[in-house]
Amino acid sequence: MPSLKFCGECNNLLYPKSDNNAKVLLYQCRNCNYAENAIPEPGMAPCVYKNDLLTIAREQPGQTKDLETDPTLQRSDIECPRCQNHEAVFYQDQARRITTNMTLFYYCVNCKFSFRDPKIKHR
């Protein structure tokens, strides 16, 4: 069973990191740069999956699927610029993490078009 690993020098959490030159998996501290080789537990493969969600383009909504049926999302009567329907769900997303503010996106329940509020000026 996977377990958390802690730094031998400062007791902070160790994070998986790949050493591409040596082709090995390491656990490294983000505080003091302490690193140790990852020793796989029996029956477990030492692998790291990296899913980077940064977008290079300007603000865009994230991947959206079945938002119109999500009961946890709030609904609005804003008009869709594509089909002029007056029902949309809305959510916030941040395109470039640190460099941008949160953006409010609307998702039309009729034509499934993602858009921002046209009344708000965008950079």
PDB file of N, CA and C in Angstrom:
ATOM      1  N   MET A   1       0.847  -1.185   0.000  1.00  0.00           N
ATOM      2  CA  MET A   1       0.000   0.000   0.000  1.00  0.00           C
ATOM      3  C   MET A   1       0.885   1.239   0.000  1.00  0.00           C
ATOM      4  N   PRO A   2       0.581   2.229  -0.849  1.00  0.00           N
ATOM      5  CA  PRO A   2       1.383   3.452  -0.892  1.00  0.00           C
ATOM      6  C   PRO A   2       1.339   4.186   0.435  1.00  0.00           C
ATOM      7  N   SER A   3       2.439   4.836   0.752  1.00  0.00           N
ATOM      8  CA  SER A   3       2.502   5.592   1.999  1.00  0.00           C
ATOM      9  C   SER A   3       3.214   6.920   1.755  1.00  0.00           C
ATOM     10  N   LEU A   4       3.022   7.854   2.643  1.00  0.00           N
ATOM     11  CA  LEU A   4       3.690   9.145   2.544  1.00  0.00           C
ATOM     12  C   LEU A   4       5.125   9.001   3.016  1.00  0.00           C
ATOM     13  N   LYS A   5       6.012   9.759   2.399  1.00  0.00           N
ATOM     14  CA  LYS A   5       7.419   9.749   2.789  1.00  0.00           C
ATOM     15  C   LYS A   5       7.771  11.150   3.261  1.00  0.00           C
ATOM     16  N   PHE A   6       8.663  11.210   4.274  1.00  0.00           N
ATOM     17  CA  PHE A   6       9.028  12.489   4.855  1.00  0.00           C
ATOM     18  C   PHE A   6      10.524  12.707   4.788  1.00  0.00           C
ATOM     19  N   CYS A   7      10.931  13.963   4.708  1.00  0.00           N
ATOM     20  CA  CYS A   7      12.322  14.364   4.591  1.00  0.00           C
ATOM     21  C   CYS A   7      13.097  13.961   5.842  1.00  0.00           C
ATOM     22  N   GLY A   8      14.293  13.406   5.639  1.00  0.00           N
ATOM     23  CA  GLY A   8      15.145  13.014   6.756  1.00  0.00           C
ATOM     24  C   GLY A   8      15.826  14.195   7.416  1.00  0.00           C
ATOM     25  N   GLU A   9      15.817  15.364   6.781  1.00  0.00           N
ATOM     26  CA  GLU A   9      16.490  16.536   7.334  1.00  0.00           C
ATOM     27  C   GLU A   9      15.535  17.526   7.994  1.00  0.00           C
ATOM     28  N   CYS A  10      14.388  17.796   7.343  1.00  0.00           N
ATOM     29  CA  CYS A  10      13.482  18.824   7.894  1.00  0.00           C
ATOM     30  C   CYS A  10      12.075  18.304   8.176  1.00  0.00           C
ATOM     31  N   ASN A  11      11.825  17.017   7.959  1.00  0.00           N
ATOM     32  CA  ASN A  11      10.545  16.364   8.251  1.00  0.00           C
ATOM     33  C   ASN A  11       9.362  16.867   7.434  1.00  0.00           C
ATOM     34  N   ASN A  12       9.610  17.536   6.310  1.00  0.00           N
ATOM     35  CA  ASN A  12       8.527  17.927   5.412  1.00  0.00           C
ATOM     36  C   ASN A  12       8.215  16.779   4.463  1.00  0.00           C
ATOM     37  N   LEU A  13       7.082  16.872   3.813  1.00  0.00           N
ATOM     38  CA  LEU A  13       6.642  15.829   2.891  1.00  0.00           C
ATOM     39  C   LEU A  13       7.567  15.755   1.675  1.00  0.00           C
ATOM     40  N   LEU A  14       7.885  14.524   1.247  1.00  0.00           N
ATOM     41  CA  LEU A  14       8.666  14.308   0.033  1.00  0.00           C
ATOM     42  C   LEU A  14       7.710  14.091  -1.131  1.00  0.00           C
ATOM     43  N   TYR A  15       8.025  14.696  -2.268  1.00  0.00           N
ATOM     44  CA  TYR A  15       7.191  14.606  -3.454  1.00  0.00           C
ATOM     45  C   TYR A  15       7.906  13.793  -4.525  1.00  0.00           C
ATOM     46  N   PRO A  16       7.170  13.000  -5.321  1.00  0.00           N
ATOM     47  CA  PRO A  16       7.808  12.248  -6.405  1.00  0.00           C
ATOM     48  C   PRO A  16       8.377  13.194  -7.457  1.00  0.00           C
ATOM     49  N   LYS A  17       9.542  12.843  -7.949  1.00  0.00           N
ATOM     50  CA  LYS A  17      10.186  13.630  -9.002  1.00  0.00           C
ATOM     51  C   LYS A  17      10.990  12.673  -9.864  1.00  0.00           C
ATOM     52  N   SER A  18      10.978  12.895 -11.164  1.00  0.00           N
ATOM     53  CA  SER A  18      11.756  12.025 -12.042  1.00  0.00           C
ATOM     54  C   SER A  18      13.081  12.701 -12.383  1.00  0.00           C
ATOM     55  N   ASP A  19      14.142  11.918 -12.367  1.00  0.00           N
ATOM     56  CA  ASP A  19      15.445  12.374 -12.823  1.00  0.00           C
ATOM     57  C   ASP A  19      15.594  11.847 -14.245  1.00  0.00           C
ATOM     58  N   ASN A  20      15.323  12.711 -15.220  1.00  0.00           N
ATOM     59  CA  ASN A  20      15.298  12.278 -16.615  1.00  0.00           C
ATOM     60  C   ASN A  20      16.672  11.868 -17.128  1.00  0.00           C
ATOM     61  N   ASN A  21      17.740  12.456 -16.571  1.00  0.00           N
ATOM     62  CA  ASN A  21      19.090  12.097 -17.020  1.00  0.00           C
ATOM     63  C   ASN A  21      19.453  10.681 -16.585  1.00  0.00           C
ATOM     64  N   ALA A  22      19.205  10.366 -15.317  1.00  0.00           N
ATOM     65  CA  ALA A  22      19.543   9.040 -14.790  1.00  0.00           C
ATOM     66  C   ALA A  22      18.412   8.034 -14.996  1.00  0.00           C
ATOM     67  N   LYS A  23      17.251   8.525 -15.445  1.00  0.00           N
ATOM     68  CA  LYS A  23      16.075   7.666 -15.673  1.00  0.00           C
ATOM     69  C   LYS A  23      15.655   6.928 -14.398  1.00  0.00           C
ATOM     70  N   VAL A  24      15.586   7.674 -13.286  1.00  0.00           N
ATOM     71  CA  VAL A  24      15.149   7.087 -12.018  1.00  0.00           C
ATOM     72  C   VAL A  24      14.081   7.977 -11.393  1.00  0.00           C
ATOM     73  N   LEU A  25      13.307   7.381 -10.529  1.00  0.00           N
ATOM     74  CA  LEU A  25      12.284   8.100  -9.781  1.00  0.00           C
ATOM     75  C   LEU A  25      12.856   8.447  -8.413  1.00  0.00           C
ATOM     76  N   LEU A  26      12.673   9.702  -8.005  1.00  0.00           N
ATOM     77  CA  LEU A  26      13.170  10.176  -6.716  1.00  0.00           C
ATOM     78  C   LEU A  26      12.007  10.691  -5.878  1.00  0.00           C
ATOM     79  N   TYR A  27      12.245  10.770  -4.578  1.00  0.00           N
ATOM     80  CA  TYR A  27      11.385  11.541  -3.687  1.00  0.00           C
ATOM     81  C   TYR A  27      12.219  12.723  -3.248  1.00  0.00           C
ATOM     82  N   GLN A  28      11.689  13.954  -3.447  1.00  0.00           N
ATOM     83  CA  GLN A  28      12.461  15.148  -3.145  1.00  0.00           C
ATOM     84  C   GLN A  28      11.664  16.097  -2.270  1.00  0.00           C
ATOM     85  N   CYS A  29      12.373  16.723  -1.346  1.00  0.00           N
ATOM     86  CA  CYS A  29      11.786  17.729  -0.453  1.00  0.00           C
ATOM     87  C   CYS A  29      11.742  19.057  -1.193  1.00  0.00           C
ATOM     88  N   ARG A  30      10.647  19.771  -1.081  1.00  0.00           N
ATOM     89  CA  ARG A  30      10.521  21.077  -1.737  1.00  0.00           C
ATOM     90  C   ARG A  30      11.094  22.191  -0.864  1.00  0.00           C
ATOM     91  N   ASN A  31      11.450  21.845   0.358  1.00  0.00           N
ATOM     92  CA  ASN A  31      11.968  22.838   1.294  1.00  0.00           C
ATOM     93  C   ASN A  31      13.488  22.916   1.266  1.00  0.00           C
ATOM     94  N   CYS A  32      14.147  21.768   1.394  1.00  0.00           N
ATOM     95  CA  CYS A  32      15.600  21.768   1.540  1.00  0.00           C
ATOM     96  C   CYS A  32      16.321  20.999   0.433  1.00  0.00           C
ATOM     97  N   ASN A  33      15.603  20.531  -0.579  1.00  0.00           N
ATOM     98  CA  ASN A  33      16.156  19.808  -1.722  1.00  0.00           C
ATOM     99  C   ASN A  33      16.778  18.460  -1.368  1.00  0.00           C
ATOM    100  N   TYR A  34      16.461  17.921  -0.209  1.00  0.00           N
ATOM    101  CA  TYR A  34      16.851  16.553   0.123  1.00  0.00           C
ATOM    102  C   TYR A  34      16.156  15.612  -0.862  1.00  0.00           C
ATOM    103  N   ALA A  35      16.865  14.592  -1.338  1.00  0.00           N
ATOM    104  CA  ALA A  35      16.280  13.643  -2.279  1.00  0.00           C
ATOM    105  C   ALA A  35      16.743  12.236  -1.958  1.00  0.00           C
ATOM    106  N   GLU A  36      15.882  11.288  -2.236  1.00  0.00           N
ATOM    107  CA  GLU A  36      16.245   9.881  -2.071  1.00  0.00           C
ATOM    108  C   GLU A  36      15.602   9.087  -3.204  1.00  0.00           C
ATOM    109  N   ASN A  37      16.244   7.978  -3.552  1.00  0.00           N
ATOM    110  CA  ASN A  37      15.702   7.118  -4.601  1.00  0.00           C
ATOM    111  C   ASN A  37      14.397   6.499  -4.142  1.00  0.00           C
ATOM    112  N   ALA A  38      13.471   6.385  -5.052  1.00  0.00           N
ATOM    113  CA  ALA A  38      12.190   5.746  -4.751  1.00  0.00           C
ATOM    114  C   ALA A  38      12.378   4.243  -4.877  1.00  0.00           C
ATOM    115  N   ILE A  39      12.138   3.546  -3.817  1.00  0.00           N
ATOM    116  CA  ILE A  39      12.226   2.090  -3.823  1.00  0.00           C
ATOM    117  C   ILE A  39      10.800   1.568  -3.898  1.00  0.00           C
ATOM    118  N   PRO A  40      10.469   0.875  -4.994  1.00  0.00           N
ATOM    119  CA  PRO A  40       9.082   0.423  -5.145  1.00  0.00           C
ATOM    120  C   PRO A  40       8.719  -0.626  -4.101  1.00  0.00           C
ATOM    121  N   GLU A  41       7.499  -0.518  -3.618  1.00  0.00           N
ATOM    122  CA  GLU A  41       6.993  -1.525  -2.698  1.00  0.00           C
ATOM    123  C   GLU A  41       6.658  -2.781  -3.494  1.00  0.00           C
ATOM    124  N   PRO A  42       6.704  -3.936  -2.886  1.00  0.00           N
ATOM    125  CA  PRO A  42       6.393  -5.167  -3.622  1.00  0.00           C
ATOM    126  C   PRO A  42       5.005  -5.091  -4.268  1.00  0.00           C
ATOM    127  N   GLY A  43       4.960  -5.390  -5.552  1.00  0.00           N
ATOM    128  CA  GLY A  43       3.700  -5.366  -6.282  1.00  0.00           C
ATOM    129  C   GLY A  43       3.306  -4.005  -6.815  1.00  0.00           C
ATOM    130  N   MET A  44       4.099  -2.969  -6.541  1.00  0.00           N
ATOM    131  CA  MET A  44       3.786  -1.612  -6.998  1.00  0.00           C
ATOM    132  C   MET A  44       4.841  -1.167  -8.001  1.00  0.00           C
ATOM    133  N   ALA A  45       4.424  -0.505  -9.065  1.00  0.00           N
ATOM    134  CA  ALA A  45       5.354   0.015 -10.065  1.00  0.00           C
ATOM    135  C   ALA A  45       5.670   1.469  -9.733  1.00  0.00           C
ATOM    136  N   PRO A  46       6.951   1.854  -9.762  1.00  0.00           N
ATOM    137  CA  PRO A  46       7.293   3.251  -9.471  1.00  0.00           C
ATOM    138  C   PRO A  46       7.047   4.130 -10.691  1.00  0.00           C
ATOM    139  N   CYS A  47       5.921   4.800 -10.719  1.00  0.00           N
ATOM    140  CA  CYS A  47       5.635   5.675 -11.858  1.00  0.00           C
ATOM    141  C   CYS A  47       5.002   6.959 -11.366  1.00  0.00           C
ATOM    142  N   VAL A  48       5.155   8.004 -12.159  1.00  0.00           N
ATOM    143  CA  VAL A  48       4.576   9.304 -11.846  1.00  0.00           C
ATOM    144  C   VAL A  48       3.727   9.717 -13.030  1.00  0.00           C
ATOM    145  N   TYR A  49       2.506  10.144 -12.759  1.00  0.00           N
ATOM    146  CA  TYR A  49       1.631  10.649 -13.801  1.00  0.00           C
ATOM    147  C   TYR A  49       1.531  12.147 -13.620  1.00  0.00           C
ATOM    148  N   LYS A  50       1.891  12.894 -14.641  1.00  0.00           N
ATOM    149  CA  LYS A  50       1.839  14.350 -14.566  1.00  0.00           C
ATOM    150  C   LYS A  50       0.783  14.850 -15.527  1.00  0.00           C
ATOM    151  N   ASN A  51      -0.171  15.607 -15.000  1.00  0.00           N
ATOM    152  CA  ASN A  51      -1.237  16.177 -15.803  1.00  0.00           C
ATOM    153  C   ASN A  51      -1.182  17.681 -15.614  1.00  0.00           C
ATOM    154  N   ASP A  52      -0.507  18.373 -16.507  1.00  0.00           N
ATOM    155  CA  ASP A  52      -0.334  19.811 -16.394  1.00  0.00           C
ATOM    156  C   ASP A  52      -1.477  20.519 -17.101  1.00  0.00           C
ATOM    157  N   LEU A  53      -2.224  21.311 -16.359  1.00  0.00           N
ATOM    158  CA  LEU A  53      -3.413  21.956 -16.903  1.00  0.00           C
ATOM    159  C   LEU A  53      -3.177  23.396 -17.333  1.00  0.00           C
ATOM    160  N   LEU A  54      -1.927  23.818 -17.366  1.00  0.00           N
ATOM    161  CA  LEU A  54      -1.650  25.189 -17.790  1.00  0.00           C
ATOM    162  C   LEU A  54      -2.032  25.364 -19.253  1.00  0.00           C
ATOM    163  N   THR A  55      -2.627  26.482 -19.558  1.00  0.00           N
ATOM    164  CA  THR A  55      -2.960  26.779 -20.944  1.00  0.00           C
ATOM    165  C   THR A  55      -2.134  27.971 -21.394  1.00  0.00           C
ATOM    166  N   ILE A  56      -1.630  27.906 -22.573  1.00  0.00           N
ATOM    167  CA  ILE A  56      -0.809  28.985 -23.113  1.00  0.00           C
ATOM    168  C   ILE A  56      -1.690  30.110 -23.642  1.00  0.00           C
ATOM    169  N   ALA A  57      -2.812  29.770 -24.214  1.00  0.00           N
ATOM    170  CA  ALA A  57      -3.702  30.762 -24.806  1.00  0.00           C
ATOM    171  C   ALA A  57      -4.362  31.609 -23.726  1.00  0.00           C
ATOM    172  N   ARG A  58      -5.122  32.597 -24.170  1.00  0.00           N
ATOM    173  CA  ARG A  58      -5.841  33.433 -23.207  1.00  0.00           C
ATOM    174  C   ARG A  58      -6.889  32.606 -22.470  1.00  0.00           C
ATOM    175  N   GLU A  59      -7.614  33.238 -21.598  1.00  0.00           N
ATOM    176  CA  GLU A  59      -8.553  32.527 -20.735  1.00  0.00           C
ATOM    177  C   GLU A  59      -9.502  31.643 -21.528  1.00  0.00           C
ATOM    178  N   GLN A  60      -9.530  30.379 -21.175  1.00  0.00           N
ATOM    179  CA  GLN A  60     -10.416  29.422 -21.810  1.00  0.00           C
ATOM    180  C   GLN A  60     -11.011  28.549 -20.717  1.00  0.00           C
ATOM    181  N   PRO A  61     -12.231  28.091 -20.892  1.00  0.00           N
ATOM    182  CA  PRO A  61     -12.796  27.197 -19.888  1.00  0.00           C
ATOM    183  C   PRO A  61     -12.112  25.843 -19.936  1.00  0.00           C
ATOM    184  N   GLY A  62     -12.117  25.150 -18.802  1.00  0.00           N
ATOM    185  CA  GLY A  62     -11.567  23.812 -18.757  1.00  0.00           C
ATOM    186  C   GLY A  62     -12.462  22.830 -19.492  1.00  0.00           C
ATOM    187  N   GLN A  63     -12.097  21.586 -19.469  1.00  0.00           N
ATOM    188  CA  GLN A  63     -12.882  20.541 -20.138  1.00  0.00           C
ATOM    189  C   GLN A  63     -14.262  20.465 -19.481  1.00  0.00           C
ATOM    190  N   THR A  64     -15.297  20.533 -20.276  1.00  0.00           N
ATOM    191  CA  THR A  64     -16.651  20.516 -19.734  1.00  0.00           C
ATOM    192  C   THR A  64     -17.432  19.356 -20.321  1.00  0.00           C
ATOM    193  N   LYS A  65     -18.016  18.551 -19.458  1.00  0.00           N
ATOM    194  CA  LYS A  65     -18.847  17.431 -19.904  1.00  0.00           C
ATOM    195  C   LYS A  65     -20.056  17.339 -18.982  1.00  0.00           C
ATOM    196  N   ASP A  66     -21.206  17.220 -19.550  1.00  0.00           N
ATOM    197  CA  ASP A  66     -22.453  17.011 -18.823  1.00  0.00           C
ATOM    198  C   ASP A  66     -22.697  18.055 -17.731  1.00  0.00           C
ATOM    199  N   LEU A  67     -22.292  19.280 -17.972  1.00  0.00           N
ATOM    200  CA  LEU A  67     -22.503  20.321 -16.965  1.00  0.00           C
ATOM    201  C   LEU A  67     -23.983  20.639 -16.782  1.00  0.00           C
ATOM    202  N   GLU A  68     -24.755  20.499 -17.845  1.00  0.00           N
ATOM    203  CA  GLU A  68     -26.183  20.845 -17.762  1.00  0.00           C
ATOM    204  C   GLU A  68     -26.942  19.929 -16.816  1.00  0.00           C
ATOM    205  N   THR A  69     -26.406  18.732 -16.532  1.00  0.00           N
ATOM    206  CA  THR A  69     -27.089  17.796 -15.633  1.00  0.00           C
ATOM    207  C   THR A  69     -26.502  17.797 -14.221  1.00  0.00           C
ATOM    208  N   ASP A  70     -25.475  18.606 -13.986  1.00  0.00           N
ATOM    209  CA  ASP A  70     -24.844  18.653 -12.665  1.00  0.00           C
ATOM    210  C   ASP A  70     -25.726  19.437 -11.692  1.00  0.00           C
ATOM    211  N   PRO A  71     -26.299  18.782 -10.686  1.00  0.00           N
ATOM    212  CA  PRO A  71     -27.208  19.481  -9.768  1.00  0.00           C
ATOM    213  C   PRO A  71     -26.492  20.419  -8.795  1.00  0.00           C
ATOM    214  N   THR A  72     -25.169  20.327  -8.706  1.00  0.00           N
ATOM    215  CA  THR A  72     -24.437  21.167  -7.763  1.00  0.00           C
ATOM    216  C   THR A  72     -24.078  22.534  -8.337  1.00  0.00           C
ATOM    217  N   LEU A  73     -24.184  22.693  -9.658  1.00  0.00           N
ATOM    218  CA  LEU A  73     -23.855  23.979 -10.271  1.00  0.00           C
ATOM    219  C   LEU A  73     -25.048  24.922 -10.225  1.00  0.00           C
ATOM    220  N   GLN A  74     -24.742  26.204  -9.994  1.00  0.00           N
ATOM    221  CA  GLN A  74     -25.802  27.208  -9.970  1.00  0.00           C
ATOM    222  C   GLN A  74     -26.252  27.518 -11.390  1.00  0.00           C
ATOM    223  N   ARG A  75     -27.490  27.977 -11.493  1.00  0.00           N
ATOM    224  CA  ARG A  75     -28.073  28.281 -12.802  1.00  0.00           C
ATOM    225  C   ARG A  75     -28.317  29.781 -12.919  1.00  0.00           C
ATOM    226  N   SER A  76     -28.308  30.246 -14.164  1.00  0.00           N
ATOM    227  CA  SER A  76     -28.513  31.663 -14.447  1.00  0.00           C
ATOM    228  C   SER A  76     -29.462  31.801 -15.632  1.00  0.00           C
ATOM    229  N   ASP A  77     -30.112  32.960 -15.724  1.00  0.00           N
ATOM    230  CA  ASP A  77     -30.999  33.202 -16.863  1.00  0.00           C
ATOM    231  C   ASP A  77     -30.334  34.103 -17.909  1.00  0.00           C
ATOM    232  N   ILE A  78     -28.994  34.089 -17.932  1.00  0.00           N
ATOM    233  CA  ILE A  78     -28.249  34.886 -18.911  1.00  0.00           C
ATOM    234  C   ILE A  78     -28.505  34.337 -20.322  1.00  0.00           C
ATOM    235  N   GLU A  79     -28.522  35.229 -21.299  1.00  0.00           N
ATOM    236  CA  GLU A  79     -28.793  34.816 -22.678  1.00  0.00           C
ATOM    237  C   GLU A  79     -27.532  34.276 -23.343  1.00  0.00           C
ATOM    238  N   CYS A  80     -27.676  33.133 -23.978  1.00  0.00           N
ATOM    239  CA  CYS A  80     -26.567  32.520 -24.712  1.00  0.00           C
ATOM    240  C   CYS A  80     -26.319  33.307 -25.994  1.00  0.00           C
ATOM    241  N   PRO A  81     -25.070  33.716 -26.274  1.00  0.00           N
ATOM    242  CA  PRO A  81     -24.804  34.476 -27.498  1.00  0.00           C
ATOM    243  C   PRO A  81     -24.949  33.640 -28.771  1.00  0.00           C
ATOM    244  N   ARG A  82     -24.934  32.324 -28.647  1.00  0.00           N
ATOM    245  CA  ARG A  82     -25.039  31.474 -29.837  1.00  0.00           C
ATOM    246  C   ARG A  82     -26.494  31.143 -30.184  1.00  0.00           C
ATOM    247  N   CYS A  83     -27.295  30.689 -29.192  1.00  0.00           N
ATOM    248  CA  CYS A  83     -28.655  30.228 -29.508  1.00  0.00           C
ATOM    249  C   CYS A  83     -29.755  31.074 -28.862  1.00  0.00           C
ATOM    250  N   GLN A  84     -29.394  32.092 -28.098  1.00  0.00           N
ATOM    251  CA  GLN A  84     -30.321  32.997 -27.415  1.00  0.00           C
ATOM    252  C   GLN A  84     -31.200  32.296 -26.368  1.00  0.00           C
ATOM    253  N   ASN A  85     -30.813  31.129 -25.925  1.00  0.00           N
ATOM    254  CA  ASN A  85     -31.513  30.448 -24.837  1.00  0.00           C
ATOM    255  C   ASN A  85     -31.226  31.197 -23.536  1.00  0.00           C
ATOM    256  N   HIS A  86     -32.160  31.150 -22.592  1.00  0.00           N
ATOM    257  CA  HIS A  86     -31.995  31.888 -21.342  1.00  0.00           C
ATOM    258  C   HIS A  86     -31.776  30.974 -20.151  1.00  0.00           C
ATOM    259  N   GLU A  87     -31.045  29.888 -20.326  1.00  0.00           N
ATOM    260  CA  GLU A  87     -30.707  29.029 -19.194  1.00  0.00           C
ATOM    261  C   GLU A  87     -29.270  28.551 -19.351  1.00  0.00           C
ATOM    262  N   ALA A  88     -28.468  28.809 -18.326  1.00  0.00           N
ATOM    263  CA  ALA A  88     -27.064  28.398 -18.345  1.00  0.00           C
ATOM    264  C   ALA A  88     -26.627  28.061 -16.930  1.00  0.00           C
ATOM    265  N   VAL A  89     -25.673  27.166 -16.816  1.00  0.00           N
ATOM    266  CA  VAL A  89     -25.013  26.930 -15.530  1.00  0.00           C
ATOM    267  C   VAL A  89     -23.728  27.737 -15.555  1.00  0.00           C
ATOM    268  N   PHE A  90     -23.197  28.067 -14.378  1.00  0.00           N
ATOM    269  CA  PHE A  90     -21.951  28.823 -14.370  1.00  0.00           C
ATOM    270  C   PHE A  90     -21.003  28.274 -13.321  1.00  0.00           C
ATOM    271  N   TYR A  91     -19.712  28.492 -13.578  1.00  0.00           N
ATOM    272  CA  TYR A  91     -18.647  28.016 -12.699  1.00  0.00           C
ATOM    273  C   TYR A  91     -17.436  28.920 -12.891  1.00  0.00           C
ATOM    274  N   GLN A  92     -16.494  28.845 -11.957  1.00  0.00           N
ATOM    275  CA  GLN A  92     -15.264  29.621 -12.059  1.00  0.00           C
ATOM    276  C   GLN A  92     -14.113  28.711 -12.422  1.00  0.00           C
ATOM    277  N   ASP A  93     -13.171  29.268 -13.179  1.00  0.00           N
ATOM    278  CA  ASP A  93     -11.981  28.526 -13.576  1.00  0.00           C
ATOM    279  C   ASP A  93     -10.839  29.521 -13.673  1.00  0.00           C
ATOM    280  N   GLN A  94      -9.627  29.027 -13.523  1.00  0.00           N
ATOM    281  CA  GLN A  94      -8.451  29.880 -13.601  1.00  0.00           C
ATOM    282  C   GLN A  94      -7.535  29.308 -14.674  1.00  0.00           C
ATOM    283  N   ALA A  95      -7.299  30.077 -15.730  1.00  0.00           N
ATOM    284  CA  ALA A  95      -6.586  29.562 -16.890  1.00  0.00           C
ATOM    285  C   ALA A  95      -5.090  29.376 -16.636  1.00  0.00           C
ATOM    286  N   ARG A  96      -4.417  30.387 -16.130  1.00  0.00           N
ATOM    287  CA  ARG A  96      -2.962  30.299 -16.010  1.00  0.00           C
ATOM    288  C   ARG A  96      -2.501  30.365 -14.557  1.00  0.00           C
ATOM    289  N   ARG A  97      -3.254  29.803 -13.668  1.00  0.00           N
ATOM    290  CA  ARG A  97      -2.953  29.713 -12.243  1.00  0.00           C
ATOM    291  C   ARG A  97      -2.586  31.050 -11.634  1.00  0.00           C
ATOM    292  N   ILE A  98      -1.317  31.331 -11.429  1.00  0.00           N
ATOM    293  CA  ILE A  98      -0.878  32.502 -10.675  1.00  0.00           C
ATOM    294  C   ILE A  98      -1.067  33.799 -11.454  1.00  0.00           C
ATOM    295  N   THR A  99      -0.941  33.750 -12.767  1.00  0.00           N
ATOM    296  CA  THR A  99      -0.922  34.987 -13.550  1.00  0.00           C
ATOM    297  C   THR A  99      -2.304  35.548 -13.881  1.00  0.00           C
ATOM    298  N   THR A 100      -3.370  34.823 -13.598  1.00  0.00           N
ATOM    299  CA  THR A 100      -4.707  35.344 -13.919  1.00  0.00           C
ATOM    300  C   THR A 100      -5.642  35.192 -12.729  1.00  0.00           C
ATOM    301  N   ASN A 101      -6.656  36.025 -12.736  1.00  0.00           N
ATOM    302  CA  ASN A 101      -7.699  35.918 -11.722  1.00  0.00           C
ATOM    303  C   ASN A 101      -8.679  34.825 -12.120  1.00  0.00           C
ATOM    304  N   MET A 102      -9.546  34.477 -11.198  1.00  0.00           N
ATOM    305  CA  MET A 102     -10.596  33.520 -11.518  1.00  0.00           C
ATOM    306  C   MET A 102     -11.537  34.156 -12.539  1.00  0.00           C
ATOM    307  N   THR A 103     -12.024  33.354 -13.461  1.00  0.00           N
ATOM    308  CA  THR A 103     -12.924  33.823 -14.507  1.00  0.00           C
ATOM    309  C   THR A 103     -14.242  33.072 -14.387  1.00  0.00           C
ATOM    310  N   LEU A 104     -15.331  33.795 -14.524  1.00  0.00           N
ATOM    311  CA  LEU A 104     -16.660  33.195 -14.459  1.00  0.00           C
ATOM    312  C   LEU A 104     -17.070  32.758 -15.865  1.00  0.00           C
ATOM    313  N   PHE A 105     -17.310  31.461 -16.034  1.00  0.00           N
ATOM    314  CA  PHE A 105     -17.726  30.906 -17.314  1.00  0.00           C
ATOM    315  C   PHE A 105     -19.178  30.456 -17.212  1.00  0.00           C
ATOM    316  N   TYR A 106     -19.911  30.668 -18.290  1.00  0.00           N
ATOM    317  CA  TYR A 106     -21.289  30.194 -18.412  1.00  0.00           C
ATOM    318  C   TYR A 106     -21.314  29.062 -19.431  1.00  0.00           C
ATOM    319  N   TYR A 107     -22.240  28.139 -19.238  1.00  0.00           N
ATOM    320  CA  TYR A 107     -22.363  26.976 -20.119  1.00  0.00           C
ATOM    321  C   TYR A 107     -23.841  26.819 -20.451  1.00  0.00           C
ATOM    322  N   CYS A 108     -24.181  27.042 -21.699  1.00  0.00           N
ATOM    323  CA  CYS A 108     -25.577  26.977 -22.136  1.00  0.00           C
ATOM    324  C   CYS A 108     -26.081  25.541 -22.052  1.00  0.00           C
ATOM    325  N   VAL A 109     -27.222  25.332 -21.413  1.00  0.00           N
ATOM    326  CA  VAL A 109     -27.766  23.979 -21.283  1.00  0.00           C
ATOM    327  C   VAL A 109     -28.444  23.516 -22.573  1.00  0.00           C
ATOM    328  N   ASN A 110     -28.704  24.442 -23.497  1.00  0.00           N
ATOM    329  CA  ASN A 110     -29.350  24.090 -24.753  1.00  0.00           C
ATOM    330  C   ASN A 110     -28.333  23.662 -25.815  1.00  0.00           C
ATOM    331  N   CYS A 111     -27.372  24.542 -26.127  1.00  0.00           N
ATOM    332  CA  CYS A 111     -26.418  24.250 -27.221  1.00  0.00           C
ATOM    333  C   CYS A 111     -25.031  23.858 -26.722  1.00  0.00           C
ATOM    334  N   LYS A 112     -24.827  23.832 -25.399  1.00  0.00           N
ATOM    335  CA  LYS A 112     -23.569  23.409 -24.769  1.00  0.00           C
ATOM    336  C   LYS A 112     -22.388  24.301 -25.146  1.00  0.00           C
ATOM    337  N   PHE A 113     -22.648  25.581 -25.315  1.00  0.00           N
ATOM    338  CA  PHE A 113     -21.614  26.555 -25.655  1.00  0.00           C
ATOM    339  C   PHE A 113     -21.092  27.207 -24.375  1.00  0.00           C
ATOM    340  N   SER A 114     -19.765  27.274 -24.214  1.00  0.00           N
ATOM    341  CA  SER A 114     -19.153  27.953 -23.062  1.00  0.00           C
ATOM    342  C   SER A 114     -18.849  29.397 -23.442  1.00  0.00           C
ATOM    343  N   PHE A 115     -19.219  30.326 -22.551  1.00  0.00           N
ATOM    344  CA  PHE A 115     -18.983  31.731 -22.840  1.00  0.00           C
ATOM    345  C   PHE A 115     -18.821  32.496 -21.532  1.00  0.00           C
ATOM    346  N   ARG A 116     -18.298  33.721 -21.650  1.00  0.00           N
ATOM    347  CA  ARG A 116     -18.170  34.612 -20.506  1.00  0.00           C
ATOM    348  C   ARG A 116     -19.245  35.687 -20.595  1.00  0.00           C
ATOM    349  N   ASP A 117     -19.499  36.347 -19.497  1.00  0.00           N
ATOM    350  CA  ASP A 117     -20.522  37.396 -19.471  1.00  0.00           C
ATOM    351  C   ASP A 117     -20.117  38.533 -20.415  1.00  0.00           C
ATOM    352  N   PRO A 118     -20.924  38.822 -21.423  1.00  0.00           N
ATOM    353  CA  PRO A 118     -20.561  39.880 -22.379  1.00  0.00           C
ATOM    354  C   PRO A 118     -20.553  41.274 -21.768  1.00  0.00           C
ATOM    355  N   LYS A 119     -21.184  41.476 -20.613  1.00  0.00           N
ATOM    356  CA  LYS A 119     -21.222  42.783 -19.977  1.00  0.00           C
ATOM    357  C   LYS A 119     -19.907  43.111 -19.272  1.00  0.00           C
ATOM    358  N   ILE A 120     -19.094  42.098 -18.991  1.00  0.00           N
ATOM    359  CA  ILE A 120     -17.829  42.298 -18.273  1.00  0.00           C
ATOM    360  C   ILE A 120     -16.707  42.444 -19.294  1.00  0.00           C
ATOM    361  N   LYS A 121     -15.892  43.492 -19.121  1.00  0.00           N
ATOM    362  CA  LYS A 121     -14.759  43.709 -20.050  1.00  0.00           C
ATOM    363  C   LYS A 121     -13.669  42.689 -19.723  1.00  0.00           C
ATOM    364  N   HIS A 122     -13.105  42.072 -20.778  1.00  0.00           N
ATOM    365  CA  HIS A 122     -12.068  41.055 -20.621  1.00  0.00           C
ATOM    366  C   HIS A 122     -10.748  41.627 -21.117  1.00  0.00           C
ATOM    367  N   ARG A 123      -9.670  41.190 -20.465  1.00  0.00           N
ATOM    368  CA  ARG A 123      -8.344  41.634 -20.877  1.00  0.00           C
ATOM    369  C   ARG A 123      -7.854  40.868 -22.054  1.00  0.00           C
TER     370      ARG A 123
END
